PDB file of all heavy atoms in Angstrom:
ATOM      1  N   LYS A   1      86.605  84.857  78.713  1.00  0.00           N
ATOM      2  CA  LYS A   1      87.046  86.168  78.235  1.00  0.00           C
ATOM      3  C   LYS A   1      88.369  86.535  78.905  1.00  0.00           C
ATOM      4  O   LYS A   1      88.535  86.365  80.099  1.00  0.00           O
ATOM      5  CB  LYS A   1      85.980  87.218  78.521  1.00  0.00           C
ATOM      6  CG  LYS A   1      84.671  86.971  77.793  1.00  0.00           C
ATOM      7  CD  LYS A   1      83.675  88.068  78.071  1.00  0.00           C
ATOM      8  CE  LYS A   1      82.340  87.787  77.388  1.00  0.00           C
ATOM      9  NZ  LYS A   1      82.482  87.791  75.916  1.00  0.00           N
ATOM     10  N   ARG A   2      89.312  87.051  78.104  1.00  0.00           N
ATOM     11  CA  ARG A   2      90.650  87.330  78.597  1.00  0.00           C
ATOM     12  C   ARG A   2      91.036  88.770  78.289  1.00  0.00           C
ATOM     13  O   ARG A   2      90.722  89.295  77.228  1.00  0.00           O
ATOM     14  CB  ARG A   2      91.653  86.353  77.978  1.00  0.00           C
ATOM     15  CG  ARG A   2      91.320  84.900  78.257  1.00  0.00           C
ATOM     16  CD  ARG A   2      92.078  83.930  77.378  1.00  0.00           C
ATOM     17  NE  ARG A   2      93.489  83.893  77.697  1.00  0.00           N
ATOM     18  CZ  ARG A   2      94.455  84.183  76.845  1.00  0.00           C
ATOM     19  NH1 ARG A   2      94.168  84.543  75.606  1.00  0.00           N
ATOM     20  NH2 ARG A   2      95.718  84.106  77.214  1.00  0.00           N
ATOM     21  N   ALA A   3      91.735  89.386  79.234  1.00  0.00           N
ATOM     22  CA  ALA A   3      92.200  90.762  79.069  1.00  0.00           C
ATOM     23  C   ALA A   3      93.307  91.010  80.078  1.00  0.00           C
ATOM     24  O   ALA A   3      93.545  90.203  80.978  1.00  0.00           O
ATOM     25  CB  ALA A   3      91.054  91.753  79.290  1.00  0.00           C
ATOM     26  N   TYR A   4      94.014  92.129  79.935  1.00  0.00           N
ATOM     27  CA  TYR A   4      94.921  92.557  80.997  1.00  0.00           C
ATOM     28  C   TYR A   4      94.081  92.870  82.226  1.00  0.00           C
ATOM     29  O   TYR A   4      92.953  93.363  82.115  1.00  0.00           O
ATOM     30  CB  TYR A   4      95.717  93.788  80.554  1.00  0.00           C
ATOM     31  CG  TYR A   4      96.700  93.509  79.450  1.00  0.00           C
ATOM     32  CD1 TYR A   4      96.321  93.663  78.116  1.00  0.00           C
ATOM     33  CD2 TYR A   4      97.993  93.100  79.728  1.00  0.00           C
ATOM     34  CE1 TYR A   4      97.219  93.407  77.088  1.00  0.00           C
ATOM     35  CE2 TYR A   4      98.907  92.840  78.715  1.00  0.00           C
ATOM     36  CZ  TYR A   4      98.506  92.993  77.389  1.00  0.00           C
ATOM     37  OH  TYR A   4      99.395  92.730  76.379  1.00  0.00           O
ATOM     38  N   GLN A   5      94.617  92.604  83.406  1.00  0.00           N
ATOM     39  CA  GLN A   5      93.833  92.767  84.630  1.00  0.00           C
ATOM     40  C   GLN A   5      94.626  93.513  85.701  1.00  0.00           C
ATOM     41  O   GLN A   5      95.853  93.395  85.788  1.00  0.00           O
ATOM     42  CB  GLN A   5      93.430  91.395  85.199  1.00  0.00           C
ATOM     43  CG  GLN A   5      92.750  90.459  84.216  1.00  0.00           C
ATOM     44  CD  GLN A   5      91.344  90.881  83.835  1.00  0.00           C
ATOM     45  OE1 GLN A   5      90.808  91.855  84.366  1.00  0.00           O
ATOM     46  NE2 GLN A   5      90.734  90.156  82.912  1.00  0.00           N
ATOM     47  N   THR A   6      93.889  94.270  86.528  1.00  0.00           N
ATOM     48  CA  THR A   6      94.435  94.870  87.742  1.00  0.00           C
ATOM     49  C   THR A   6      93.641  94.334  88.924  1.00  0.00           C
ATOM     50  O   THR A   6      92.411  94.433  88.934  1.00  0.00           O
ATOM     51  CB  THR A   6      94.332  96.407  87.726  1.00  0.00           C
ATOM     52  OG1 THR A   6      95.051  96.918  86.602  1.00  0.00           O
ATOM     53  CG2 THR A   6      94.920  96.999  89.004  1.00  0.00           C
ATOM     54  N   ILE A   7      94.332  93.765  89.898  1.00  0.00           N
ATOM     55  CA  ILE A   7      93.700  93.127  91.048  1.00  0.00           C
ATOM     56  C   ILE A   7      94.186  93.808  92.330  1.00  0.00           C
ATOM     57  O   ILE A   7      95.376  94.116  92.468  1.00  0.00           O
ATOM     58  CB  ILE A   7      94.042  91.621  91.115  1.00  0.00           C
ATOM     59  CG1 ILE A   7      93.727  90.939  89.778  1.00  0.00           C
ATOM     60  CG2 ILE A   7      93.326  90.947  92.281  1.00  0.00           C
ATOM     61  CD1 ILE A   7      92.282  90.968  89.374  1.00  0.00           C
ATOM     62  N   ILE A   8      93.276  94.048  93.269  1.00  0.00           N
ATOM     63  CA  ILE A   8      93.632  94.513  94.607  1.00  0.00           C
ATOM     64  C   ILE A   8      93.272  93.417  95.600  1.00  0.00           C
ATOM     65  O   ILE A   8      92.141  92.921  95.590  1.00  0.00           O
ATOM     66  CB  ILE A   8      92.890  95.804  94.989  1.00  0.00           C
ATOM     67  CG1 ILE A   8      93.238  96.934  94.035  1.00  0.00           C
ATOM     68  CG2 ILE A   8      93.249  96.217  96.413  1.00  0.00           C
ATOM     69  CD1 ILE A   8      92.534  98.225  94.374  1.00  0.00           C
ATOM     70  N   ALA A   9      94.215  93.035  96.436  1.00  0.00           N
ATOM     71  CA  ALA A   9      93.975  91.981  97.423  1.00  0.00           C
ATOM     72  C   ALA A   9      94.353  92.477  98.811  1.00  0.00           C
ATOM     73  O   ALA A   9      95.251  93.308  98.973  1.00  0.00           O
ATOM     74  CB  ALA A   9      94.776  90.729  97.072  1.00  0.00           C
ATOM     75  N   GLU A  10      93.658  91.961  99.807  1.00  0.00           N
ATOM     76  CA  GLU A  10      93.971  92.228 101.208  1.00  0.00           C
ATOM     77  C   GLU A  10      94.537  90.954 101.815  1.00  0.00           C
ATOM     78  O   GLU A  10      93.975  89.877 101.624  1.00  0.00           O
ATOM     79  CB  GLU A  10      92.708  92.645 101.965  1.00  0.00           C
ATOM     80  CG  GLU A  10      92.920  92.868 103.453  1.00  0.00           C
ATOM     81  CD  GLU A  10      91.618  93.086 104.203  1.00  0.00           C
ATOM     82  OE1 GLU A  10      90.564  93.219 103.546  1.00  0.00           O
ATOM     83  OE2 GLU A  10      91.652  93.111 105.450  1.00  0.00           O
ATOM     84  N   THR A  11      95.654  91.035 102.510  1.00  0.00           N
ATOM     85  CA  THR A  11      96.262  89.849 103.093  1.00  0.00           C
ATOM     86  C   THR A  11      95.783  89.640 104.521  1.00  0.00           C
ATOM     87  O   THR A  11      95.175  90.519 105.135  1.00  0.00           O
ATOM     88  CB  THR A  11      97.795  89.937 103.078  1.00  0.00           C
ATOM     89  OG1 THR A  11      98.221  90.866 104.093  1.00  0.00           O
ATOM     90  CG2 THR A  11      98.315  90.379 101.723  1.00  0.00           C
ATOM     91  N   ASP A  12      96.111  88.471 105.049  1.00  0.00           N
ATOM     92  CA  ASP A  12      95.717  88.152 106.421  1.00  0.00           C
ATOM     93  C   ASP A  12      96.436  89.032 107.438  1.00  0.00           C
ATOM     94  O   ASP A  12      96.000  89.146 108.586  1.00  0.00           O
ATOM     95  CB  ASP A  12      95.961  86.673 106.721  1.00  0.00           C
ATOM     96  CG  ASP A  12      97.389  86.232 106.388  1.00  0.00           C
ATOM     97  OD1 ASP A  12      98.213  87.090 105.992  1.00  0.00           O
ATOM     98  OD2 ASP A  12      97.688  85.034 106.536  1.00  0.00           O
ATOM     99  N   LYS A  13      97.528  89.699 107.036  1.00  0.00           N
ATOM    100  CA  LYS A  13      98.251  90.595 107.938  1.00  0.00           C
ATOM    101  C   LYS A  13      97.891  92.067 107.706  1.00  0.00           C
ATOM    102  O   LYS A  13      98.531  92.966 108.250  1.00  0.00           O
ATOM    103  CB  LYS A  13      99.758  90.388 107.776  1.00  0.00           C
ATOM    104  CG  LYS A  13     100.229  89.008 108.229  1.00  0.00           C
ATOM    105  CD  LYS A  13     101.738  88.885 108.121  1.00  0.00           C
ATOM    106  CE  LYS A  13     102.220  87.518 108.612  1.00  0.00           C
ATOM    107  NZ  LYS A  13     103.698  87.379 108.492  1.00  0.00           N
ATOM    108  N   GLY A  14      96.894  92.304 106.861  1.00  0.00           N
ATOM    109  CA  GLY A  14      96.449  93.667 106.632  1.00  0.00           C
ATOM    110  C   GLY A  14      97.207  94.429 105.574  1.00  0.00           C
ATOM    111  O   GLY A  14      96.995  95.637 105.421  1.00  0.00           O
ATOM    112  N   ARG A  15      98.081  93.782 104.831  1.00  0.00           N
ATOM    113  CA  ARG A  15      98.766  94.448 103.724  1.00  0.00           C
ATOM    114  C   ARG A  15      97.835  94.493 102.506  1.00  0.00           C
ATOM    115  O   ARG A  15      96.941  93.660 102.357  1.00  0.00           O
ATOM    116  CB  ARG A  15     100.063  93.723 103.371  1.00  0.00           C
ATOM    117  CG  ARG A  15     101.038  93.591 104.530  1.00  0.00           C
ATOM    118  CD  ARG A  15     101.577  94.939 104.973  1.00  0.00           C
ATOM    119  NE  ARG A  15     102.413  94.867 106.149  1.00  0.00           N
ATOM    120  CZ  ARG A  15     103.726  94.648 106.134  1.00  0.00           C
ATOM    121  NH1 ARG A  15     104.345  94.452 104.974  1.00  0.00           N
ATOM    122  NH2 ARG A  15     104.418  94.619 107.255  1.00  0.00           N
ATOM    123  N   ILE A  16      98.086  95.438 101.624  1.00  0.00           N
ATOM    124  CA  ILE A  16      97.349  95.542 100.374  1.00  0.00           C
ATOM    125  C   ILE A  16      98.289  95.152  99.231  1.00  0.00           C
ATOM    126  O   ILE A  16      99.398  95.689  99.118  1.00  0.00           O
ATOM    127  CB  ILE A  16      96.819  96.970 100.155  1.00  0.00           C
ATOM    128  CG1 ILE A  16      95.843  97.354 101.273  1.00  0.00           C
ATOM    129  CG2 ILE A  16      96.140  97.073  98.787  1.00  0.00           C
ATOM    130  CD1 ILE A  16      94.607  96.491 101.369  1.00  0.00           C
ATOM    131  N   LEU A  17      97.848  94.221  98.406  1.00  0.00           N
ATOM    132  CA  LEU A  17      98.612  93.776  97.244  1.00  0.00           C
ATOM    133  C   LEU A  17      97.948  94.278  95.978  1.00  0.00           C
ATOM    134  O   LEU A  17      96.728  94.191  95.832  1.00  0.00           O
ATOM    135  CB  LEU A  17      98.703  92.243  97.199  1.00  0.00           C
ATOM    136  CG  LEU A  17      99.217  91.523  98.444  1.00  0.00           C
ATOM    137  CD1 LEU A  17      99.283  90.020  98.185  1.00  0.00           C
ATOM    138  CD2 LEU A  17     100.569  92.064  98.868  1.00  0.00           C
ATOM    139  N   ILE A  18      98.750  94.796  95.071  1.00  0.00           N
ATOM    140  CA  ILE A  18      98.269  95.241  93.768  1.00  0.00           C
ATOM    141  C   ILE A  18      98.947  94.380  92.713  1.00  0.00           C
ATOM    142  O   ILE A  18     100.181  94.293  92.679  1.00  0.00           O
ATOM    143  CB  ILE A  18      98.596  96.723  93.527  1.00  0.00           C
ATOM    144  CG1 ILE A  18      98.030  97.582  94.660  1.00  0.00           C
ATOM    145  CG2 ILE A  18      98.056  97.188  92.172  1.00  0.00           C
ATOM    146  CD1 ILE A  18      98.701  98.927  94.778  1.00  0.00           C
ATOM    147  N   PHE A  19      98.145  93.738  91.873  1.00  0.00           N
ATOM    148  CA  PHE A  19      98.673  92.899  90.802  1.00  0.00           C
ATOM    149  C   PHE A  19      98.278  93.485  89.456  1.00  0.00           C
ATOM    150  O   PHE A  19      97.131  93.874  89.241  1.00  0.00           O
ATOM    151  CB  PHE A  19      98.130  91.471  90.890  1.00  0.00           C
ATOM    152  CG  PHE A  19      98.550  90.718  92.114  1.00  0.00           C
ATOM    153  CD1 PHE A  19      97.675  90.567  93.178  1.00  0.00           C
ATOM    154  CD2 PHE A  19      99.807  90.149  92.211  1.00  0.00           C
ATOM    155  CE1 PHE A  19      98.045  89.857  94.315  1.00  0.00           C
ATOM    156  CE2 PHE A  19     100.196  89.448  93.343  1.00  0.00           C
ATOM    157  CZ  PHE A  19      99.306  89.297  94.396  1.00  0.00           C
ATOM    158  N   LYS A  20      99.232  93.515  88.547  1.00  0.00           N
ATOM    159  CA  LYS A  20      98.979  93.955  87.170  1.00  0.00           C
ATOM    160  C   LYS A  20      99.528  92.888  86.234  1.00  0.00           C
ATOM    161  O   LYS A  20     100.725  92.612  86.224  1.00  0.00           O
ATOM    162  CB  LYS A  20      99.666  95.298  86.924  1.00  0.00           C
ATOM    163  CG  LYS A  20      99.928  95.650  85.457  1.00  0.00           C
ATOM    164  CD  LYS A  20      98.664  95.948  84.686  1.00  0.00           C
ATOM    165  CE  LYS A  20      99.009  96.480  83.296  1.00  0.00           C
ATOM    166  NZ  LYS A  20      99.649  95.460  82.421  1.00  0.00           N
ATOM    167  N   SER A  21      98.644  92.237  85.463  1.00  0.00           N
ATOM    168  CA  SER A  21      99.087  91.153  84.590  1.00  0.00           C
ATOM    169  C   SER A  21      99.906  91.702  83.432  1.00  0.00           C
ATOM    170  O   SER A  21      99.639  92.784  82.907  1.00  0.00           O
ATOM    171  CB  SER A  21      97.891  90.363  84.060  1.00  0.00           C
ATOM    172  OG  SER A  21      97.116  91.152  83.189  1.00  0.00           O
ATOM    173  N   ARG A  22     100.907  90.935  83.014  1.00  0.00           N
ATOM    174  CA  ARG A  22     101.764  91.335  81.908  1.00  0.00           C
ATOM    175  C   ARG A  22     101.290  90.761  80.584  1.00  0.00           C
ATOM    176  O   ARG A  22     101.907  90.970  79.536  1.00  0.00           O
ATOM    177  CB  ARG A  22     103.210  90.912  82.182  1.00  0.00           C
ATOM    178  CG  ARG A  22     103.821  91.605  83.400  1.00  0.00           C
ATOM    179  CD  ARG A  22     105.285  91.256  83.539  1.00  0.00           C
ATOM    180  NE  ARG A  22     106.026  91.651  82.354  1.00  0.00           N
ATOM    181  CZ  ARG A  22     107.063  90.969  81.873  1.00  0.00           C
ATOM    182  NH1 ARG A  22     107.468  89.856  82.471  1.00  0.00           N
ATOM    183  NH2 ARG A  22     107.680  91.386  80.796  1.00  0.00           N
ATOM    184  N   ASP A  23     100.181  90.046  80.622  1.00  0.00           N
ATOM    185  CA  ASP A  23      99.573  89.492  79.416  1.00  0.00           C
ATOM    186  C   ASP A  23      98.098  89.287  79.722  1.00  0.00           C
ATOM    187  O   ASP A  23      97.667  89.447  80.873  1.00  0.00           O
ATOM    188  CB  ASP A  23     100.251  88.186  78.997  1.00  0.00           C
ATOM    189  CG  ASP A  23     100.124  87.899  77.509  1.00  0.00           C
ATOM    190  OD1 ASP A  23      99.214  88.495  76.879  1.00  0.00           O
ATOM    191  OD2 ASP A  23     100.898  87.105  76.969  1.00  0.00           O
ATOM    192  N   VAL A  24      97.330  88.914  78.718  1.00  0.00           N
ATOM    193  CA  VAL A  24      95.904  88.739  78.930  1.00  0.00           C
ATOM    194  C   VAL A  24      95.633  87.457  79.715  1.00  0.00           C
ATOM    195  O   VAL A  24      96.360  86.469  79.604  1.00  0.00           O
ATOM    196  CB  VAL A  24      95.139  88.716  77.594  1.00  0.00           C
ATOM    197  CG1 VAL A  24      95.277  90.048  76.887  1.00  0.00           C
ATOM    198  CG2 VAL A  24      95.631  87.582  76.703  1.00  0.00           C
ATOM    199  N   MET A  25      94.569  87.481  80.492  1.00  0.00           N
ATOM    200  CA  MET A  25      94.134  86.311  81.255  1.00  0.00           C
ATOM    201  C   MET A  25      92.679  86.536  81.657  1.00  0.00           C
ATOM    202  O   MET A  25      92.151  87.651  81.542  1.00  0.00           O
ATOM    203  CB  MET A  25      94.993  86.103  82.503  1.00  0.00           C
ATOM    204  CG  MET A  25      94.915  87.221  83.507  1.00  0.00           C
ATOM    205  SD  MET A  25      95.938  86.932  84.965  1.00  0.00           S
ATOM    206  CE  MET A  25      95.590  88.428  85.912  1.00  0.00           C
ATOM    207  N   SER A  26      92.027  85.492  82.136  1.00  0.00           N
ATOM    208  CA  SER A  26      90.650  85.642  82.594  1.00  0.00           C
ATOM    209  C   SER A  26      90.621  85.938  84.082  1.00  0.00           C
ATOM    210  O   SER A  26      91.531  85.544  84.831  1.00  0.00           O
ATOM    211  CB  SER A  26      89.843  84.363  82.304  1.00  0.00           C
ATOM    212  OG  SER A  26      90.160  83.336  83.229  1.00  0.00           O
ATOM    213  N   LEU A  27      89.582  86.615  84.526  1.00  0.00           N
ATOM    214  CA  LEU A  27      89.439  86.888  85.952  1.00  0.00           C
ATOM    215  C   LEU A  27      89.279  85.596  86.739  1.00  0.00           C
ATOM    216  O   LEU A  27      89.785  85.474  87.857  1.00  0.00           O
ATOM    217  CB  LEU A  27      88.236  87.803  86.193  1.00  0.00           C
ATOM    218  CG  LEU A  27      88.438  89.287  85.909  1.00  0.00           C
ATOM    219  CD1 LEU A  27      87.142  90.053  86.132  1.00  0.00           C
ATOM    220  CD2 LEU A  27      89.551  89.859  86.769  1.00  0.00           C
ATOM    221  N   TYR A  28      88.578  84.641  86.171  1.00  0.00           N
ATOM    222  CA  TYR A  28      88.387  83.379  86.887  1.00  0.00           C
ATOM    223  C   TYR A  28      89.727  82.690  87.130  1.00  0.00           C
ATOM    224  O   TYR A  28      89.984  82.162  88.218  1.00  0.00           O
ATOM    225  CB  TYR A  28      87.463  82.445  86.106  1.00  0.00           C
ATOM    226  CG  TYR A  28      87.125  81.184  86.867  1.00  0.00           C
ATOM    227  CD1 TYR A  28      86.032  81.155  87.732  1.00  0.00           C
ATOM    228  CD2 TYR A  28      87.892  80.033  86.733  1.00  0.00           C
ATOM    229  CE1 TYR A  28      85.718  80.007  88.445  1.00  0.00           C
ATOM    230  CE2 TYR A  28      87.593  78.888  87.447  1.00  0.00           C
ATOM    231  CZ  TYR A  28      86.505  78.879  88.296  1.00  0.00           C
ATOM    232  OH  TYR A  28      86.218  77.735  89.004  1.00  0.00           O
ATOM    233  N   ASP A  29      90.603  82.712  86.128  1.00  0.00           N
ATOM    234  CA  ASP A  29      91.896  82.043  86.275  1.00  0.00           C
ATOM    235  C   ASP A  29      92.756  82.708  87.351  1.00  0.00           C
ATOM    236  O   ASP A  29      93.400  82.022  88.147  1.00  0.00           O
ATOM    237  CB  ASP A  29      92.649  82.035  84.942  1.00  0.00           C
ATOM    238  CG  ASP A  29      92.073  81.028  83.954  1.00  0.00           C
ATOM    239  OD1 ASP A  29      91.446  80.050  84.414  1.00  0.00           O
ATOM    240  OD2 ASP A  29      92.233  81.228  82.733  1.00  0.00           O
TER     241      ASP A  29
END
């Protein structure tokens, strides 16, 4: 299943990364 996605990640240095896909994709990918 594919859709636009918003991801929140925590880095090893304690930063927070926010990702917003510009096209559809699967969460697994």
